[in-house]
Amino acid sequence: MNMYVSNLSFHTTDADLKKLFEEFGAVSSAKVITDRETGRSRGFGFVEMDSNDDANKAIKGLNGKDLEGRSMSVSEAREKAPRSDNRRY
């Protein structure tokens, strides 16, 4: 299951995120999303766990938890909606 994690501290790294979720089971990947131009964290990321049971336990255990003075929000990630603009590439 892929999870969306928001309201992260700007100091949280991929490794921090992975370690936090490993308390609930095996983590396939953990990625903090960064700004393309500055490389600075955008305050959210994604964590993927192979086991849906472990992922649900992580959501219940970590949603609303304080991390570096910020209350994290953890939920199942939704599919990215297709763009509806008329940009040409």
N, C-alpha and C. Protein backbone atom coordinates (compact mmCIF):
# COMPACT_ATOMS: atom_id res chain seq x y z
N MET A 1 0.84 -1.18 0.00
CA MET A 1 0.00 0.00 0.00
C MET A 1 0.88 1.24 0.00
N ASN A 2 0.50 2.21 -0.79
CA ASN A 2 1.22 3.47 -0.87
C ASN A 2 0.50 4.48 0.03
N MET A 3 1.24 5.16 0.88
CA MET A 3 0.66 6.13 1.81
C MET A 3 1.21 7.52 1.56
N TYR A 4 0.34 8.49 1.76
CA TYR A 4 0.68 9.91 1.64
C TYR A 4 0.90 10.44 3.05
N VAL A 5 2.05 11.10 3.27
CA VAL A 5 2.39 11.64 4.58
C VAL A 5 2.61 13.13 4.42
N SER A 6 1.83 13.94 5.14
CA SER A 6 1.94 15.39 5.00
C SER A 6 2.19 16.06 6.34
N ASN A 7 2.47 17.34 6.26
CA ASN A 7 2.80 18.19 7.41
C ASN A 7 4.11 17.73 8.07
N LEU A 8 5.06 17.35 7.24
CA LEU A 8 6.37 16.93 7.73
C LEU A 8 7.24 18.16 8.00
N SER A 9 8.15 18.01 8.94
CA SER A 9 9.16 19.03 9.18
C SER A 9 10.03 19.12 7.93
N PHE A 10 10.52 20.30 7.63
CA PHE A 10 11.38 20.48 6.46
C PHE A 10 12.75 19.83 6.65
N HIS A 11 13.02 19.33 7.85
CA HIS A 11 14.29 18.65 8.13
C HIS A 11 14.17 17.13 8.01
N THR A 12 12.96 16.60 7.83
CA THR A 12 12.75 15.16 7.74
C THR A 12 13.34 14.64 6.43
N THR A 13 14.11 13.55 6.54
CA THR A 13 14.75 12.94 5.37
C THR A 13 14.05 11.64 4.99
N ASP A 14 14.42 11.09 3.84
CA ASP A 14 13.89 9.80 3.41
C ASP A 14 14.18 8.74 4.47
N ALA A 15 15.40 8.75 5.00
CA ALA A 15 15.80 7.76 6.01
C ALA A 15 14.98 7.92 7.29
N ASP A 16 14.70 9.16 7.70
CA ASP A 16 13.88 9.40 8.89
C ASP A 16 12.49 8.81 8.71
N LEU A 17 11.92 9.04 7.54
CA LEU A 17 10.58 8.57 7.23
C LEU A 17 10.54 7.04 7.23
N LYS A 18 11.54 6.44 6.60
CA LYS A 18 11.60 4.97 6.55
C LYS A 18 11.72 4.38 7.94
N LYS A 19 12.59 4.94 8.77
CA LYS A 19 12.79 4.44 10.12
C LYS A 19 11.50 4.54 10.94
N LEU A 20 10.79 5.62 10.80
CA LEU A 20 9.55 5.84 11.52
C LEU A 20 8.51 4.78 11.18
N PHE A 21 8.38 4.46 9.89
CA PHE A 21 7.37 3.49 9.45
C PHE A 21 7.81 2.05 9.67
N GLU A 22 9.11 1.79 9.77
CA GLU A 22 9.60 0.42 9.98
C GLU A 22 9.17 -0.14 11.32
N GLU A 23 8.74 0.71 12.24
CA GLU A 23 8.22 0.23 13.52
C GLU A 23 6.97 -0.62 13.31
N PHE A 24 6.31 -0.47 12.15
CA PHE A 24 5.06 -1.17 11.88
C PHE A 24 5.20 -2.30 10.87
N GLY A 25 6.37 -2.44 10.25
CA GLY A 25 6.60 -3.51 9.29
C GLY A 25 7.61 -3.10 8.23
N ALA A 26 7.79 -3.98 7.26
CA ALA A 26 8.77 -3.75 6.19
C ALA A 26 8.33 -2.61 5.27
N VAL A 27 9.26 -1.70 5.01
CA VAL A 27 9.01 -0.54 4.15
C VAL A 27 9.70 -0.77 2.81
N SER A 28 8.92 -0.72 1.72
CA SER A 28 9.47 -0.89 0.37
C SER A 28 10.20 0.36 -0.08
N SER A 29 9.60 1.53 0.21
CA SER A 29 10.22 2.79 -0.17
C SER A 29 9.67 3.92 0.70
N ALA A 30 10.48 4.94 0.87
CA ALA A 30 10.09 6.14 1.60
C ALA A 30 10.75 7.32 0.92
N LYS A 31 9.95 8.30 0.52
CA LYS A 31 10.48 9.42 -0.25
C LYS A 31 9.85 10.73 0.21
N VAL A 32 10.70 11.67 0.64
CA VAL A 32 10.26 13.03 0.93
C VAL A 32 10.35 13.80 -0.37
N ILE A 33 9.30 14.48 -0.75
CA ILE A 33 9.26 15.22 -2.02
C ILE A 33 9.95 16.56 -1.84
N THR A 34 10.82 16.87 -2.80
CA THR A 34 11.60 18.11 -2.73
C THR A 34 11.28 19.02 -3.91
N ASP A 35 11.53 20.29 -3.72
CA ASP A 35 11.36 21.29 -4.77
C ASP A 35 12.42 21.06 -5.84
N ARG A 36 12.03 21.09 -7.10
CA ARG A 36 12.98 20.85 -8.20
C ARG A 36 14.09 21.88 -8.27
N GLU A 37 13.75 23.12 -8.00
CA GLU A 37 14.75 24.19 -8.15
C GLU A 37 15.65 24.34 -6.94
N THR A 38 15.09 24.26 -5.74
CA THR A 38 15.88 24.53 -4.52
C THR A 38 16.37 23.27 -3.84
N GLY A 39 15.71 22.13 -4.09
CA GLY A 39 16.08 20.89 -3.42
C GLY A 39 15.54 20.81 -2.00
N ARG A 40 14.81 21.82 -1.57
CA ARG A 40 14.26 21.88 -0.21
C ARG A 40 12.99 21.02 -0.13
N SER A 41 12.80 20.39 1.03
CA SER A 41 11.61 19.59 1.26
C SER A 41 10.35 20.41 1.04
N ARG A 42 9.32 19.77 0.48
CA ARG A 42 8.04 20.44 0.30
C ARG A 42 7.09 20.12 1.44
N GLY A 43 7.55 19.34 2.43
CA GLY A 43 6.75 19.06 3.62
C GLY A 43 5.81 17.87 3.51
N PHE A 44 5.99 17.07 2.45
CA PHE A 44 5.18 15.86 2.33
C PHE A 44 5.98 14.77 1.63
N GLY A 45 5.48 13.56 1.71
CA GLY A 45 6.17 12.45 1.07
C GLY A 45 5.28 11.24 0.92
N PHE A 46 5.87 10.14 0.47
CA PHE A 46 5.15 8.90 0.24
C PHE A 46 5.94 7.75 0.84
N VAL A 47 5.21 6.81 1.44
CA VAL A 47 5.81 5.60 2.00
C VAL A 47 5.04 4.42 1.45
N GLU A 48 5.77 3.40 1.00
CA GLU A 48 5.12 2.20 0.48
C GLU A 48 5.51 1.01 1.33
N MET A 49 4.49 0.24 1.72
CA MET A 49 4.69 -0.98 2.50
C MET A 49 4.05 -2.14 1.74
N ASP A 50 4.69 -3.31 1.75
CA ASP A 50 4.17 -4.47 1.03
C ASP A 50 2.88 -5.00 1.65
N SER A 51 2.81 -4.98 2.97
CA SER A 51 1.66 -5.53 3.68
C SER A 51 0.61 -4.45 3.95
N ASN A 52 -0.61 -4.68 3.46
CA ASN A 52 -1.69 -3.74 3.73
C ASN A 52 -2.01 -3.68 5.22
N ASP A 53 -1.89 -4.83 5.91
CA ASP A 53 -2.15 -4.85 7.36
C ASP A 53 -1.15 -3.96 8.09
N ASP A 54 0.14 -4.08 7.73
CA ASP A 54 1.17 -3.24 8.35
C ASP A 54 0.93 -1.77 8.02
N ALA A 55 0.54 -1.50 6.79
CA ALA A 55 0.28 -0.11 6.37
C ALA A 55 -0.89 0.48 7.15
N ASN A 56 -1.95 -0.30 7.33
CA ASN A 56 -3.10 0.19 8.11
C ASN A 56 -2.72 0.44 9.56
N LYS A 57 -1.86 -0.42 10.12
CA LYS A 57 -1.38 -0.21 11.49
C LYS A 57 -0.56 1.08 11.56
N ALA A 58 0.26 1.33 10.54
CA ALA A 58 1.08 2.54 10.51
C ALA A 58 0.19 3.78 10.41
N ILE A 59 -0.84 3.72 9.59
CA ILE A 59 -1.76 4.86 9.46
C ILE A 59 -2.40 5.16 10.82
N LYS A 60 -2.91 4.12 11.47
CA LYS A 60 -3.55 4.30 12.79
C LYS A 60 -2.56 4.78 13.84
N GLY A 61 -1.33 4.26 13.78
CA GLY A 61 -0.34 4.61 14.79
C GLY A 61 0.34 5.95 14.59
N LEU A 62 0.42 6.42 13.35
CA LEU A 62 1.19 7.64 13.08
C LEU A 62 0.35 8.86 12.69
N ASN A 63 -0.88 8.67 12.25
CA ASN A 63 -1.71 9.80 11.87
C ASN A 63 -1.96 10.68 13.10
N GLY A 64 -1.57 11.94 12.99
CA GLY A 64 -1.72 12.89 14.10
C GLY A 64 -0.55 12.90 15.07
N LYS A 65 0.43 12.01 14.87
CA LYS A 65 1.59 11.94 15.76
C LYS A 65 2.48 13.16 15.57
N ASP A 66 3.03 13.65 16.65
CA ASP A 66 3.93 14.79 16.61
C ASP A 66 5.32 14.34 16.16
N LEU A 67 5.85 14.99 15.15
CA LEU A 67 7.20 14.74 14.66
C LEU A 67 7.89 16.08 14.49
N GLU A 68 8.89 16.33 15.32
CA GLU A 68 9.64 17.59 15.28
C GLU A 68 8.72 18.80 15.39
N GLY A 69 7.73 18.71 16.29
CA GLY A 69 6.84 19.83 16.55
C GLY A 69 5.70 20.00 15.56
N ARG A 70 5.53 19.04 14.67
CA ARG A 70 4.44 19.12 13.68
C ARG A 70 3.59 17.85 13.77
N SER A 71 2.30 18.00 13.64
CA SER A 71 1.36 16.88 13.70
C SER A 71 1.20 16.29 12.29
N MET A 72 1.80 15.11 12.08
CA MET A 72 1.76 14.47 10.77
C MET A 72 0.35 14.03 10.40
N SER A 73 0.10 14.00 9.12
CA SER A 73 -1.13 13.43 8.59
C SER A 73 -0.73 12.27 7.70
N VAL A 74 -1.29 11.08 7.97
CA VAL A 74 -0.95 9.87 7.20
C VAL A 74 -2.24 9.26 6.68
N SER A 75 -2.29 8.99 5.38
CA SER A 75 -3.47 8.38 4.77
C SER A 75 -3.04 7.55 3.56
N GLU A 76 -3.97 6.74 3.08
CA GLU A 76 -3.69 5.97 1.87
C GLU A 76 -3.59 6.95 0.71
N ALA A 77 -2.58 6.79 -0.11
CA ALA A 77 -2.37 7.69 -1.26
C ALA A 77 -3.43 7.42 -2.31
N ARG A 78 -3.89 8.49 -2.95
CA ARG A 78 -4.85 8.38 -4.04
C ARG A 78 -4.09 8.50 -5.36
N GLU A 79 -4.68 7.96 -6.40
CA GLU A 79 -4.08 8.08 -7.74
C GLU A 79 -4.06 9.54 -8.15
N LYS A 80 -3.01 9.93 -8.84
CA LYS A 80 -2.89 11.30 -9.32
C LYS A 80 -3.92 11.53 -10.43
N ALA A 81 -4.68 12.60 -10.29
CA ALA A 81 -5.70 12.92 -11.29
C ALA A 81 -5.04 13.43 -12.56
N PRO A 82 -5.59 13.09 -13.72
CA PRO A 82 -5.01 13.59 -14.97
C PRO A 82 -5.18 15.10 -15.06
N ARG A 83 -4.23 15.75 -15.70
CA ARG A 83 -4.30 17.20 -15.87
C ARG A 83 -5.41 17.57 -16.84
N SER A 84 -6.07 18.67 -16.55
CA SER A 84 -7.15 19.09 -17.43
C SER A 84 -6.81 20.37 -18.17
N ASP A 85 -5.56 20.80 -18.10
CA ASP A 85 -5.19 22.02 -18.81
C ASP A 85 -4.85 21.72 -20.27
N ASN A 86 -4.69 22.74 -21.05
CA ASN A 86 -4.42 22.57 -22.48
C ASN A 86 -2.98 22.93 -22.84
N ARG A 87 -2.06 22.66 -21.92
CA ARG A 87 -0.66 22.99 -22.21
C ARG A 87 -0.12 22.12 -23.33
N ARG A 88 0.73 22.73 -24.13
CA ARG A 88 1.41 21.98 -25.20
C ARG A 88 2.86 21.83 -24.82
N TYR A 89 3.43 20.69 -25.13
CA TYR A 89 4.81 20.43 -24.76
C TYR A 89 5.69 20.36 -25.94
